[in-house]
N, C-alpha and C. Protein backbone atom coordinates (compact mmCIF):
# COMPACT_ATOMS: atom_id res chain seq x y z
N UNK A 1 -22.84 -18.24 28.18
CA UNK A 1 -23.29 -16.65 28.76
C UNK A 1 -22.93 -15.84 27.18
N UNK A 2 -24.05 -15.26 27.08
CA UNK A 2 -23.77 -14.33 25.69
C UNK A 2 -23.08 -12.93 26.54
N UNK A 3 -22.20 -12.08 25.74
CA UNK A 3 -21.66 -11.21 26.35
C UNK A 3 -21.44 -10.36 25.38
N UNK A 4 -21.57 -8.85 26.39
CA UNK A 4 -21.42 -7.62 24.87
C UNK A 4 -19.96 -6.96 25.49
N UNK A 5 -19.48 -6.96 26.62
CA UNK A 5 -18.74 -6.46 27.33
C UNK A 5 -18.15 -7.04 28.09
N UNK A 6 -16.48 -6.93 27.99
CA UNK A 6 -15.28 -7.52 28.93
C UNK A 6 -14.37 -6.56 29.33
N UNK A 7 -14.20 -6.85 30.94
CA UNK A 7 -13.17 -5.86 31.60
C UNK A 7 -12.03 -6.61 31.81
N UNK A 8 -11.20 -6.17 31.50
CA UNK A 8 -9.97 -7.44 31.87
C UNK A 8 -8.70 -7.01 32.92
N UNK A 9 -8.59 -7.52 33.69
CA UNK A 9 -7.19 -6.97 34.33
C UNK A 9 -5.89 -7.34 33.41
N UNK A 10 -4.71 -6.69 33.49
CA UNK A 10 -3.69 -7.34 33.25
C UNK A 10 -2.87 -8.02 33.40
N UNK A 11 -2.19 -7.66 34.54
CA UNK A 11 -1.01 -8.54 35.24
C UNK A 11 -1.68 -9.71 36.21
N UNK A 12 -1.64 -10.80 35.67
CA UNK A 12 -1.45 -12.36 35.91
C UNK A 12 -2.90 -12.86 35.22
N UNK A 13 -3.54 -11.63 34.65
CA UNK A 13 -4.78 -11.95 33.68
C UNK A 13 -4.66 -12.01 32.60
N UNK A 14 -4.07 -10.95 31.76
CA UNK A 14 -3.65 -11.38 30.52
C UNK A 14 -2.58 -11.33 30.42
N UNK A 15 -1.77 -10.90 31.34
CA UNK A 15 -0.14 -11.22 31.08
C UNK A 15 0.71 -12.21 31.97
N UNK A 16 1.41 -12.65 32.01
CA UNK A 16 2.01 -13.82 32.82
C UNK A 16 2.79 -12.95 33.43
N UNK A 17 2.71 -11.46 34.11
CA UNK A 17 3.67 -10.88 34.54
C UNK A 17 3.89 -10.78 35.79
N UNK A 18 2.96 -11.25 37.23
CA UNK A 18 2.75 -11.04 38.58
C UNK A 18 4.46 -11.33 38.77
N UNK A 19 5.36 -12.30 38.23
CA UNK A 19 6.51 -12.45 38.75
C UNK A 19 7.67 -11.39 39.00
N UNK A 20 7.01 -10.26 37.81
CA UNK A 20 7.85 -9.23 37.58
C UNK A 20 7.51 -8.37 38.95
N UNK A 21 6.77 -8.26 39.89
CA UNK A 21 6.54 -7.35 40.86
C UNK A 21 6.95 -8.02 42.12
N UNK A 22 7.58 -9.26 41.98
CA UNK A 22 7.27 -10.18 43.25
C UNK A 22 8.81 -8.90 43.78
N UNK A 23 8.97 -8.14 44.75
CA UNK A 23 9.88 -7.79 45.78
C UNK A 23 10.12 -6.76 45.33
N UNK A 24 9.52 -5.90 44.29
CA UNK A 24 9.98 -4.46 43.89
C UNK A 24 10.14 -3.42 44.52
N UNK A 25 9.04 -3.35 45.48
CA UNK A 25 9.79 -2.47 46.78
C UNK A 25 10.49 -2.71 47.53
N UNK A 26 11.19 -4.52 47.66
CA UNK A 26 12.20 -4.31 48.34
C UNK A 26 13.85 -3.81 47.64
N UNK A 27 13.26 -4.09 46.20
CA UNK A 27 14.66 -3.58 45.72
C UNK A 27 14.52 -2.25 45.54
N UNK A 28 13.78 -1.71 45.50
CA UNK A 28 13.76 -0.02 45.40
C UNK A 28 14.62 0.22 46.80
N UNK A 29 14.15 -0.38 47.95
CA UNK A 29 14.51 0.31 48.91
C UNK A 29 15.96 -0.50 48.95
N UNK A 30 16.38 -1.43 48.63
CA UNK A 30 17.62 -1.78 48.59
C UNK A 30 18.70 -0.88 48.12
N UNK A 31 18.32 -0.53 46.67
CA UNK A 31 18.97 0.57 46.05
C UNK A 31 19.22 1.77 46.78
N UNK A 32 18.36 2.41 47.56
CA UNK A 32 18.37 3.05 48.95
C UNK A 32 19.16 2.52 50.18
N UNK A 33 19.75 1.54 50.55
CA UNK A 33 20.66 1.19 51.09
C UNK A 33 19.40 0.77 52.30
N UNK A 34 18.61 0.81 52.44
CA UNK A 34 17.59 0.40 53.52
C UNK A 34 16.63 -1.23 52.92
N UNK A 35 16.32 -1.41 54.31
CA UNK A 35 16.15 -2.85 54.27
C UNK A 35 14.71 -3.02 54.91
N UNK A 36 13.96 -3.70 53.81
CA UNK A 36 12.57 -3.68 53.94
C UNK A 36 12.15 -4.09 54.85
N UNK A 37 10.60 -4.04 55.53
CA UNK A 37 10.12 -5.14 56.76
C UNK A 37 9.95 -6.36 55.38
N UNK A 38 9.88 -7.35 56.14
CA UNK A 38 9.42 -8.97 55.35
C UNK A 38 8.02 -8.72 54.86
N UNK A 39 7.21 -7.99 55.65
CA UNK A 39 5.81 -8.32 55.17
C UNK A 39 5.07 -6.99 54.18
N UNK A 40 6.44 -6.07 53.75
CA UNK A 40 6.66 -4.97 53.02
C UNK A 40 5.17 -5.54 51.72
N UNK A 41 5.10 -6.60 51.05
CA UNK A 41 4.42 -6.94 49.73
C UNK A 41 3.03 -6.98 50.27
N UNK A 42 2.97 -8.01 51.34
CA UNK A 42 1.33 -7.82 52.03
C UNK A 42 0.68 -6.84 52.21
N UNK A 43 1.57 -5.48 52.47
CA UNK A 43 1.23 -4.17 53.31
C UNK A 43 0.77 -3.39 51.80
N UNK A 44 1.31 -3.75 50.79
CA UNK A 44 1.02 -2.76 49.89
C UNK A 44 0.23 -3.58 48.56
N UNK A 45 0.13 -5.09 49.03
CA UNK A 45 -0.65 -5.99 47.85
C UNK A 45 -1.46 -4.92 47.33
N UNK A 46 -2.99 -4.46 47.85
CA UNK A 46 -4.20 -4.32 47.29
C UNK A 46 -4.25 -2.60 46.80
N UNK A 47 -2.88 -1.98 46.97
CA UNK A 47 -2.42 -0.52 46.80
C UNK A 47 -2.50 -0.31 45.34
N UNK A 48 -3.04 1.04 44.94
CA UNK A 48 -2.46 1.41 43.45
C UNK A 48 -0.78 1.67 43.69
N UNK A 49 0.00 2.09 42.60
CA UNK A 49 1.04 2.62 42.46
C UNK A 49 1.83 3.69 43.09
N UNK A 50 0.80 4.82 42.61
CA UNK A 50 0.82 5.88 43.63
C UNK A 50 0.54 5.48 45.05
N UNK A 51 -0.40 4.84 45.45
CA UNK A 51 -0.71 4.70 47.07
C UNK A 51 0.82 4.05 47.45
N UNK A 52 0.99 3.13 46.83
CA UNK A 52 2.22 2.51 47.39
C UNK A 52 3.79 3.05 47.59
N UNK A 53 3.97 3.68 46.59
CA UNK A 53 4.77 5.29 46.90
C UNK A 53 4.33 5.95 47.93
N UNK A 54 3.29 6.26 48.15
CA UNK A 54 3.20 6.90 49.30
C UNK A 54 3.64 6.63 50.41
N UNK A 55 3.01 5.39 50.54
CA UNK A 55 2.90 4.68 51.59
C UNK A 55 4.83 3.74 52.52
N UNK A 56 5.59 3.85 51.06
CA UNK A 56 6.97 3.56 51.43
C UNK A 56 7.14 4.83 51.76
N UNK A 57 7.19 6.01 51.23
CA UNK A 57 7.68 7.50 51.14
C UNK A 57 7.57 7.54 53.00
N UNK A 58 6.35 7.34 53.45
CA UNK A 58 5.51 7.55 54.78
C UNK A 58 6.39 6.49 55.47
N UNK A 59 6.77 5.50 55.69
CA UNK A 59 7.14 4.59 56.20
C UNK A 59 8.20 4.53 56.40
N UNK A 60 9.35 4.76 55.31
CA UNK A 60 10.74 4.54 55.59
C UNK A 60 11.46 5.76 55.53
N UNK A 61 10.58 7.00 55.73
CA UNK A 61 11.00 8.30 55.97
C UNK A 61 12.07 8.54 54.94
N UNK A 62 11.60 8.24 53.15
CA UNK A 62 12.10 8.58 52.03
C UNK A 62 12.60 10.48 51.76
N UNK A 63 13.76 10.78 51.46
CA UNK A 63 13.41 12.00 50.74
C UNK A 63 13.01 12.29 49.72
N UNK A 64 13.00 11.28 49.39
CA UNK A 64 12.55 11.24 47.38
C UNK A 64 10.84 11.67 47.16
N UNK A 65 10.38 12.60 46.58
CA UNK A 65 8.87 12.61 46.46
C UNK A 65 8.76 11.73 46.18
N UNK A 66 7.01 11.44 45.97
CA UNK A 66 6.40 10.43 45.50
C UNK A 66 6.51 10.20 44.02
N UNK A 67 6.53 11.31 43.06
CA UNK A 67 6.83 11.21 41.65
C UNK A 67 8.57 10.07 41.50
N UNK A 68 9.05 10.70 42.05
CA UNK A 68 10.63 10.07 42.04
C UNK A 68 10.63 8.15 42.51
N UNK A 69 9.95 8.25 43.74
CA UNK A 69 10.00 6.90 43.89
C UNK A 69 8.89 5.96 43.02
N UNK A 70 8.13 6.87 42.50
CA UNK A 70 7.46 6.20 41.30
C UNK A 70 8.10 5.75 40.09
N UNK A 71 9.27 6.56 39.75
CA UNK A 71 9.56 6.78 38.55
C UNK A 71 11.07 5.73 39.14
N UNK A 72 11.67 5.49 39.89
CA UNK A 72 12.36 4.44 40.57
C UNK A 72 12.02 3.16 40.16
N UNK A 73 10.50 2.85 40.60
CA UNK A 73 10.01 1.57 40.82
C UNK A 73 9.69 0.90 39.12
N UNK A 74 8.91 1.95 38.69
CA UNK A 74 8.77 1.46 37.23
C UNK A 74 10.16 1.33 36.30
N UNK A 75 11.05 2.01 36.75
CA UNK A 75 12.51 1.96 36.36
C UNK A 75 12.90 0.66 36.16
N UNK A 76 12.57 -0.40 37.54
CA UNK A 76 13.09 -1.52 37.50
C UNK A 76 12.50 -2.68 36.91
N UNK A 77 11.18 -2.38 36.20
CA UNK A 77 10.22 -3.29 35.87
C UNK A 77 10.07 -3.03 34.67
N UNK A 78 10.38 -1.39 33.71
CA UNK A 78 10.15 -1.37 32.69
C UNK A 78 10.14 -2.44 31.42
N UNK A 79 12.20 -2.94 31.68
CA UNK A 79 12.03 -3.61 30.42
C UNK A 79 11.22 -4.94 30.41
N UNK A 80 10.81 -5.40 31.04
CA UNK A 80 10.08 -6.42 31.46
C UNK A 80 8.90 -6.10 30.61
N UNK A 81 8.27 -5.32 30.68
CA UNK A 81 6.87 -5.19 30.13
C UNK A 81 7.13 -4.60 28.03
N UNK A 82 8.30 -4.05 28.39
CA UNK A 82 8.88 -3.69 26.86
C UNK A 82 9.83 -5.08 25.89
N UNK A 83 10.17 -6.13 26.59
CA UNK A 83 10.98 -6.35 26.20
C UNK A 83 10.42 -8.21 26.24
N UNK A 84 9.77 -8.33 27.55
CA UNK A 84 9.42 -9.75 27.89
C UNK A 84 8.21 -10.35 27.84
N UNK A 85 7.19 -9.55 28.39
CA UNK A 85 6.09 -9.65 29.14
C UNK A 85 4.94 -10.06 27.60
N UNK A 86 4.65 -11.65 28.43
CA UNK A 86 3.63 -13.11 27.07
C UNK A 86 2.50 -12.72 27.54
N UNK A 87 1.51 -12.81 26.54
CA UNK A 87 0.34 -13.37 27.23
C UNK A 87 0.26 -14.64 27.70
N UNK A 88 -0.68 -14.82 28.68
CA UNK A 88 -1.33 -16.10 28.96
C UNK A 88 -1.89 -17.21 28.00
N UNK A 89 -1.83 -18.31 28.37
CA UNK A 89 -2.31 -19.55 27.41
C UNK A 89 -3.87 -18.77 27.06
N UNK A 90 -3.75 -18.74 25.77
CA UNK A 90 -4.90 -18.79 25.40
C UNK A 90 -5.63 -17.61 25.27
N UNK A 91 -5.25 -16.46 25.17
CA UNK A 91 -5.58 -14.96 25.38
C UNK A 91 -5.61 -14.44 24.41
N UNK A 92 -4.62 -14.68 23.25
CA UNK A 92 -4.91 -14.00 22.29
C UNK A 92 -6.20 -14.76 21.52
N UNK A 93 -6.24 -15.51 21.26
CA UNK A 93 -7.08 -16.65 20.71
C UNK A 93 -8.91 -16.39 20.90
N UNK A 94 -8.87 -16.33 22.08
CA UNK A 94 -10.03 -15.74 22.92
C UNK A 94 -10.82 -14.18 22.46
N UNK A 95 -10.03 -13.37 22.93
CA UNK A 95 -9.71 -11.86 22.61
C UNK A 95 -10.30 -11.57 20.71
N UNK A 96 -9.45 -12.64 20.20
CA UNK A 96 -9.76 -12.59 19.24
C UNK A 96 -11.37 -12.84 18.88
N UNK A 97 -12.07 -13.81 19.37
CA UNK A 97 -12.72 -14.27 18.95
C UNK A 97 -14.13 -13.42 19.56
N UNK A 98 -14.02 -12.80 20.83
CA UNK A 98 -14.77 -12.03 21.09
C UNK A 98 -15.01 -10.81 20.68
N UNK A 99 -13.77 -10.21 19.67
CA UNK A 99 -13.95 -9.19 18.88
C UNK A 99 -14.47 -9.38 17.59
N UNK A 100 -14.34 -10.44 17.50
CA UNK A 100 -15.05 -11.11 15.94
C UNK A 100 -16.44 -10.82 15.98
N UNK A 101 -17.01 -10.97 17.49
CA UNK A 101 -18.41 -11.08 17.45
C UNK A 101 -19.06 -9.90 17.72
N UNK A 102 -18.36 -8.90 17.91
CA UNK A 102 -18.59 -7.33 18.53
C UNK A 102 -18.82 -7.08 19.96
N UNK A 103 -17.94 -8.09 20.77
CA UNK A 103 -17.92 -7.93 22.04
C UNK A 103 -16.73 -6.83 22.10
N UNK A 104 -17.19 -5.47 23.45
CA UNK A 104 -16.27 -4.47 23.52
C UNK A 104 -15.46 -4.96 24.48
N UNK A 105 -14.16 -4.29 24.76
CA UNK A 105 -13.00 -4.65 25.49
C UNK A 105 -12.64 -3.71 25.96
N UNK A 106 -11.84 -3.73 27.39
CA UNK A 106 -10.93 -2.56 27.67
C UNK A 106 -10.33 -3.46 28.83
N UNK A 107 -8.97 -2.85 28.81
CA UNK A 107 -8.32 -3.32 30.47
C UNK A 107 -8.26 -2.34 31.52
N UNK A 108 -8.32 -2.95 32.50
CA UNK A 108 -8.31 -2.08 34.09
C UNK A 108 -7.46 -2.53 34.70
N UNK A 109 -6.45 -1.25 35.27
CA UNK A 109 -5.12 -2.22 35.87
C UNK A 109 -4.52 -1.24 36.69
N UNK A 110 -3.53 -1.83 37.55
CA UNK A 110 -3.26 -0.78 38.55
C UNK A 110 -1.92 -0.60 38.13
N UNK A 111 -1.49 -1.33 36.91
CA UNK A 111 -0.14 -0.98 36.24
C UNK A 111 -0.24 0.58 35.55
N UNK A 112 1.02 1.02 35.58
CA UNK A 112 1.26 2.40 34.78
C UNK A 112 0.92 2.01 33.45
N UNK A 113 0.11 3.07 32.80
CA UNK A 113 -0.21 2.91 31.30
C UNK A 113 0.66 2.94 30.49
N UNK A 114 1.67 3.68 30.78
CA UNK A 114 2.70 3.40 29.75
C UNK A 114 3.41 1.77 29.28
N UNK A 115 3.44 1.06 30.83
CA UNK A 115 3.78 -0.11 30.27
C UNK A 115 3.09 -1.33 30.18
N UNK A 116 1.61 -0.93 30.25
CA UNK A 116 0.66 -1.73 29.91
C UNK A 116 0.54 -1.52 28.52
N UNK A 117 0.16 -0.49 27.55
CA UNK A 117 0.54 -0.26 26.09
C UNK A 117 1.66 -0.97 25.92
N UNK A 118 2.77 -0.50 25.90
CA UNK A 118 4.07 -1.97 25.47
C UNK A 118 3.91 -2.87 25.80
N UNK A 119 3.15 -3.51 26.58
CA UNK A 119 3.37 -4.82 26.56
C UNK A 119 2.06 -5.56 25.36
N UNK A 120 0.80 -4.26 25.58
CA UNK A 120 0.04 -5.25 24.72
C UNK A 120 0.20 -5.00 23.32
N UNK A 121 1.09 -3.76 22.91
CA UNK A 121 1.35 -3.62 21.71
C UNK A 121 2.31 -4.56 21.10
N UNK A 122 3.22 -5.12 21.90
CA UNK A 122 4.17 -6.07 21.58
C UNK A 122 3.81 -7.30 21.34
N UNK A 123 2.80 -7.35 21.97
CA UNK A 123 2.07 -9.20 21.84
C UNK A 123 1.08 -8.88 20.72
N UNK A 124 0.98 -7.67 19.90
CA UNK A 124 0.12 -7.56 18.70
C UNK A 124 -1.42 -7.37 19.00
N UNK A 125 -2.03 -6.95 20.37
CA UNK A 125 -3.31 -7.02 20.54
C UNK A 125 -4.14 -6.12 21.70
N UNK A 126 -3.43 -4.69 21.19
CA UNK A 126 -3.94 -3.53 21.71
C UNK A 126 -4.85 -3.20 21.07
N UNK A 127 -4.80 -3.53 19.71
CA UNK A 127 -6.34 -3.00 18.76
C UNK A 127 -7.31 -3.26 19.33
N UNK A 128 -7.52 -4.81 20.48
CA UNK A 128 -8.88 -5.25 20.46
C UNK A 128 -9.43 -4.45 21.79
N UNK A 129 -8.53 -3.37 22.16
CA UNK A 129 -9.54 -2.63 23.52
C UNK A 129 -9.36 -1.11 23.44
N UNK A 130 -10.48 -1.04 23.46
CA UNK A 130 -11.48 0.40 23.48
C UNK A 130 -10.72 1.29 24.55
N UNK A 131 -10.14 0.95 25.27
CA UNK A 131 -9.06 1.91 26.13
C UNK A 131 -8.90 1.09 27.23
N UNK A 132 -7.38 1.58 28.10
CA UNK A 132 -6.96 1.17 28.97
C UNK A 132 -7.06 2.17 30.06
N UNK A 133 -7.89 1.43 31.29
CA UNK A 133 -8.06 2.43 31.99
C UNK A 133 -7.36 2.33 33.32
N UNK A 134 -6.67 3.01 34.36
CA UNK A 134 -5.68 2.74 35.10
C UNK A 134 -6.24 3.51 37.14
N UNK A 135 -5.26 2.59 37.74
CA UNK A 135 -5.75 3.44 39.02
C UNK A 135 -5.33 4.68 39.17
N UNK A 136 -3.68 4.45 38.93
CA UNK A 136 -3.15 5.87 39.01
C UNK A 136 -3.71 7.16 38.55
N UNK A 137 -4.25 6.71 37.15
CA UNK A 137 -5.19 7.93 36.57
C UNK A 137 -6.32 8.29 37.16
N UNK A 138 -6.92 7.06 37.50
CA UNK A 138 -8.40 7.41 38.56
C UNK A 138 -8.05 7.89 39.65
N UNK A 139 -6.90 7.88 40.72
CA UNK A 139 -7.10 7.69 41.70
C UNK A 139 -7.55 6.87 42.29
N UNK A 140 -7.07 5.58 42.18
CA UNK A 140 -7.88 4.52 43.17
C UNK A 140 -7.19 3.55 42.98
N UNK A 141 -7.96 2.81 44.21
CA UNK A 141 -7.23 1.09 43.71
C UNK A 141 -8.32 0.17 44.02
N UNK A 142 -7.80 -0.70 43.67
CA UNK A 142 -9.38 -1.95 43.47
C UNK A 142 -10.03 -2.76 44.76
N UNK A 143 -9.37 -2.23 45.54
CA UNK A 143 -9.89 -2.36 47.12
C UNK A 143 -11.47 -1.70 46.91
N UNK A 144 -12.04 -1.33 46.13
CA UNK A 144 -13.63 -0.20 45.49
C UNK A 144 -13.30 -1.00 43.94
N UNK A 145 -14.64 -0.54 43.47
CA UNK A 145 -15.07 -0.75 42.06
C UNK A 145 -15.22 0.02 40.93
N UNK A 146 -14.80 1.11 41.56
CA UNK A 146 -13.93 2.89 41.02
C UNK A 146 -14.00 2.38 39.54
N UNK A 147 -13.30 1.93 39.34
CA UNK A 147 -12.30 1.40 38.02
C UNK A 147 -12.86 0.56 37.18
N UNK A 148 -14.02 -0.53 37.70
CA UNK A 148 -14.72 -1.15 37.16
C UNK A 148 -16.04 -0.27 36.41
N UNK A 149 -16.61 0.42 37.19
CA UNK A 149 -17.76 1.02 36.93
C UNK A 149 -16.89 2.44 35.74
N UNK A 150 -16.07 3.02 35.92
CA UNK A 150 -15.39 3.87 34.93
C UNK A 150 -15.17 2.70 33.14
N UNK A 151 -14.70 1.73 33.99
CA UNK A 151 -14.36 0.78 32.28
C UNK A 151 -15.72 0.66 32.14
N UNK A 152 -17.16 0.51 32.64
CA UNK A 152 -18.41 -0.24 32.15
C UNK A 152 -19.23 1.54 31.49
N UNK A 153 -18.43 2.39 31.76
CA UNK A 153 -18.94 3.49 31.03
C UNK A 153 -18.55 3.58 29.79
N UNK A 154 -17.26 3.68 29.91
CA UNK A 154 -16.42 3.44 28.47
C UNK A 154 -16.81 2.59 27.64
N UNK A 155 -17.19 1.36 27.59
CA UNK A 155 -17.75 0.43 27.20
C UNK A 155 -18.83 0.95 26.61
N UNK A 156 -19.91 1.45 27.50
CA UNK A 156 -21.24 1.52 26.98
C UNK A 156 -22.20 0.28 26.99
N UNK A 157 -21.61 -0.69 27.79
CA UNK A 157 -22.39 -2.01 28.20
C UNK A 157 -23.27 -1.76 29.45
N UNK A 158 -23.56 -3.13 29.55
CA UNK A 158 -24.33 -3.10 31.30
C UNK A 158 -23.95 -4.06 32.22
N UNK A 159 -24.19 -4.07 33.44
CA UNK A 159 -23.77 -5.03 34.12
C UNK A 159 -24.34 -5.81 33.78
N UNK A 160 -25.54 -6.75 33.71
CA UNK A 160 -25.92 -7.71 33.14
C UNK A 160 -25.19 -8.45 31.93
N UNK A 161 -24.75 -7.83 31.01
CA UNK A 161 -23.65 -8.34 30.04
C UNK A 161 -22.47 -8.06 29.48
N UNK A 162 -21.79 -7.71 30.84
CA UNK A 162 -20.34 -7.41 30.98
C UNK A 162 -19.86 -8.14 31.54
N UNK A 163 -18.97 -9.01 31.81
CA UNK A 163 -17.80 -9.39 32.72
C UNK A 163 -16.95 -8.91 33.13
N UNK A 164 -16.20 -8.89 34.38
CA UNK A 164 -14.79 -8.56 35.00
C UNK A 164 -14.22 -9.74 34.91
N UNK A 165 -12.89 -10.25 34.23
CA UNK A 165 -12.16 -11.16 34.25
C UNK A 165 -10.78 -10.91 35.14
N UNK A 166 -10.65 -11.49 36.52
CA UNK A 166 -9.52 -11.10 37.82
C UNK A 166 -8.81 -11.76 38.09
N UNK A 167 -7.48 -12.23 38.57
CA UNK A 167 -6.77 -13.34 38.82
C UNK A 167 -6.65 -12.94 40.43
N UNK A 168 -6.76 -11.66 41.00
CA UNK A 168 -6.58 -11.03 42.64
C UNK A 168 -7.89 -11.81 43.32
N UNK A 169 -7.96 -11.80 44.24
CA UNK A 169 -8.81 -12.16 44.99
C UNK A 169 -9.52 -10.85 45.64
N UNK A 170 -8.85 -9.88 46.26
CA UNK A 170 -9.23 -8.58 46.70
C UNK A 170 -9.77 -7.64 45.47
N UNK A 171 -9.73 -7.39 44.61
CA UNK A 171 -10.35 -6.97 43.14
C UNK A 171 -11.44 -7.46 42.35
N UNK A 172 -11.43 -9.21 42.45
CA UNK A 172 -12.41 -9.79 42.19
C UNK A 172 -13.98 -9.52 43.31
N UNK A 173 -13.15 -9.75 44.75
CA UNK A 173 -14.06 -9.29 45.78
C UNK A 173 -14.64 -8.44 45.43
N UNK A 174 -14.48 -6.99 45.16
CA UNK A 174 -14.95 -5.90 45.12
C UNK A 174 -15.72 -5.80 43.66
N UNK A 175 -15.40 -6.16 42.33
CA UNK A 175 -16.31 -6.01 41.44
C UNK A 175 -17.87 -6.79 41.80
N UNK A 176 -17.44 -8.12 42.31
CA UNK A 176 -18.41 -9.04 42.65
C UNK A 176 -19.63 -8.25 43.57
N UNK A 177 -19.03 -7.68 44.34
CA UNK A 177 -19.60 -6.88 45.64
C UNK A 177 -20.60 -6.00 44.98
N UNK A 178 -20.24 -5.20 44.11
CA UNK A 178 -20.72 -4.20 43.25
C UNK A 178 -21.71 -4.41 42.12
N UNK A 179 -21.79 -5.75 42.03
CA UNK A 179 -23.17 -6.32 41.45
C UNK A 179 -22.23 -6.71 39.71
N UNK A 180 -21.07 -6.59 39.51
CA UNK A 180 -20.58 -7.07 38.24
C UNK A 180 -20.45 -8.96 37.99
N UNK A 181 -20.74 -9.41 36.83
CA UNK A 181 -20.53 -10.87 36.73
C UNK A 181 -19.20 -10.94 36.49
N UNK A 182 -18.46 -11.95 37.60
CA UNK A 182 -16.87 -11.99 37.43
C UNK A 182 -16.64 -13.53 37.44
N UNK A 183 -15.57 -13.28 36.59
CA UNK A 183 -14.67 -14.97 35.67
C UNK A 183 -13.43 -14.44 36.75
N UNK A 184 -12.95 -15.31 37.61
CA UNK A 184 -11.59 -15.77 37.92
C UNK A 184 -10.79 -15.96 37.33
N UNK A 185 -9.71 -15.48 37.16
CA UNK A 185 -8.68 -16.28 36.09
C UNK A 185 -7.56 -16.95 37.03
N UNK A 186 -7.02 -18.17 36.80
CA UNK A 186 -6.78 -18.74 37.68
C UNK A 186 -4.61 -18.26 37.60
N UNK A 187 -4.23 -17.99 38.37
CA UNK A 187 -2.69 -17.61 38.49
C UNK A 187 -1.69 -17.78 39.31
N UNK A 188 -0.33 -18.57 39.49
CA UNK A 188 0.48 -18.90 40.24
C UNK A 188 0.86 -18.08 41.47
N UNK A 189 0.27 -16.38 41.94
CA UNK A 189 0.48 -15.89 42.42
C UNK A 189 -0.58 -15.62 43.46
N UNK A 190 -1.54 -16.51 43.02
CA UNK A 190 -3.15 -16.33 43.67
C UNK A 190 -2.79 -16.81 45.06
N UNK A 191 -3.24 -15.58 46.03
CA UNK A 191 -3.02 -16.03 47.60
C UNK A 191 -4.14 -16.40 48.30
N UNK A 192 -5.47 -16.39 47.50
CA UNK A 192 -6.67 -16.64 48.27
C UNK A 192 -7.16 -17.40 47.08
N UNK A 193 -8.62 -18.28 47.41
CA UNK A 193 -9.02 -18.97 46.49
C UNK A 193 -10.28 -18.21 45.71
N UNK A 194 -9.58 -17.22 44.62
CA UNK A 194 -10.53 -16.57 44.11
C UNK A 194 -11.96 -17.27 43.40
N UNK A 195 -11.67 -18.77 43.24
CA UNK A 195 -12.74 -19.80 42.83
C UNK A 195 -14.02 -19.28 43.48
N UNK A 196 -13.74 -19.26 44.65
CA UNK A 196 -14.74 -19.33 45.84
C UNK A 196 -16.00 -17.64 45.55
N UNK A 197 -15.32 -16.78 45.17
CA UNK A 197 -16.41 -15.74 45.08
C UNK A 197 -16.64 -15.54 43.65
N UNK A 198 -16.05 -15.86 42.67
CA UNK A 198 -16.32 -15.61 41.78
C UNK A 198 -18.07 -16.50 40.80
N UNK A 199 -18.28 -15.93 39.69
CA UNK A 199 -19.38 -16.37 39.04
C UNK A 199 -19.25 -17.77 38.00
N UNK A 200 -17.69 -17.53 37.46
CA UNK A 200 -17.13 -18.22 36.26
C UNK A 200 -15.72 -18.98 37.19
N UNK A 201 -14.99 -19.20 36.87
CA UNK A 201 -13.52 -19.32 37.13
C UNK A 201 -12.75 -20.61 36.08
N UNK A 202 -12.10 -20.19 35.56
CA UNK A 202 -10.76 -20.76 34.52
C UNK A 202 -9.65 -21.20 34.99
N UNK A 203 -8.91 -21.95 34.66
CA UNK A 203 -7.33 -22.13 34.98
C UNK A 203 -6.76 -21.54 33.85
N UNK A 204 -7.49 -21.23 32.76
CA UNK A 204 -6.31 -20.83 31.45
C UNK A 204 -7.82 -20.17 30.72
N UNK A 205 -7.31 -19.50 29.39
CA UNK A 205 -8.16 -18.65 29.07
C UNK A 205 -8.78 -19.87 27.20
N UNK A 206 -8.25 -21.15 27.60
CA UNK A 206 -8.64 -21.85 26.60
C UNK A 206 -9.31 -22.67 26.99
N UNK A 207 -9.64 -22.53 28.45
CA UNK A 207 -11.04 -22.78 28.77
C UNK A 207 -12.22 -21.88 28.78
N UNK A 208 -11.96 -20.43 28.46
CA UNK A 208 -13.21 -19.62 28.48
C UNK A 208 -14.31 -19.58 27.32
N UNK A 209 -13.83 -20.41 26.62
CA UNK A 209 -14.74 -20.22 25.42
C UNK A 209 -16.23 -21.59 25.57
N UNK A 210 -16.21 -22.26 26.96
CA UNK A 210 -16.73 -22.83 27.50
C UNK A 210 -18.12 -22.43 27.63
N UNK A 211 -17.70 -21.13 28.26
CA UNK A 211 -18.66 -20.20 29.10
C UNK A 211 -19.40 -19.03 28.83
N UNK A 212 -18.12 -18.28 27.83
CA UNK A 212 -18.38 -17.34 27.09
C UNK A 212 -18.77 -17.23 25.62
N UNK A 213 -20.28 -16.51 25.23
CA UNK A 213 -20.14 -16.47 23.74
C UNK A 213 -20.02 -15.06 23.43
């Protein structure tokens, strides 16, 4: 398929980073002397960071404001993005190839922009992306296609020649339901068979060149 635009999720798609978020809500609450529900991760899984913080504040009657809770959670994971996060296999070559052919690219993520920029800069790929859109800045989550439509507008391309790359089932489903072409990307954290709802599916970006020009 010849494409003119590409919208990439960050964690689990471009970056091998989902493990950095494992139990982060539980770890934050533990730092406050509070035992989290064993289902907390599932409860906040599809929320944006702000929504997650608002939920945790309400559910656990925290005195801290939402901004303070957010800062505490980001503090837990920030060193990983600044010092450790790596691109997934084949990402660098694939996006370099798309760039060389004039494909417009952006990132659409639920992660804080400061962390996203830090990881992409350290991996020397940030210059390939026209923009980084975050759910926090847009006031949405990926249960709807709002962030993908904003990304499409930023790229100036059409849905028919723009591909959304996602590893999360619920996010891929939102993009697909809204009419986007979706490429599922395997990640070890995958909890539902994202392959079943996508137009394309890759185990790694080493395979992406087989499908996209």
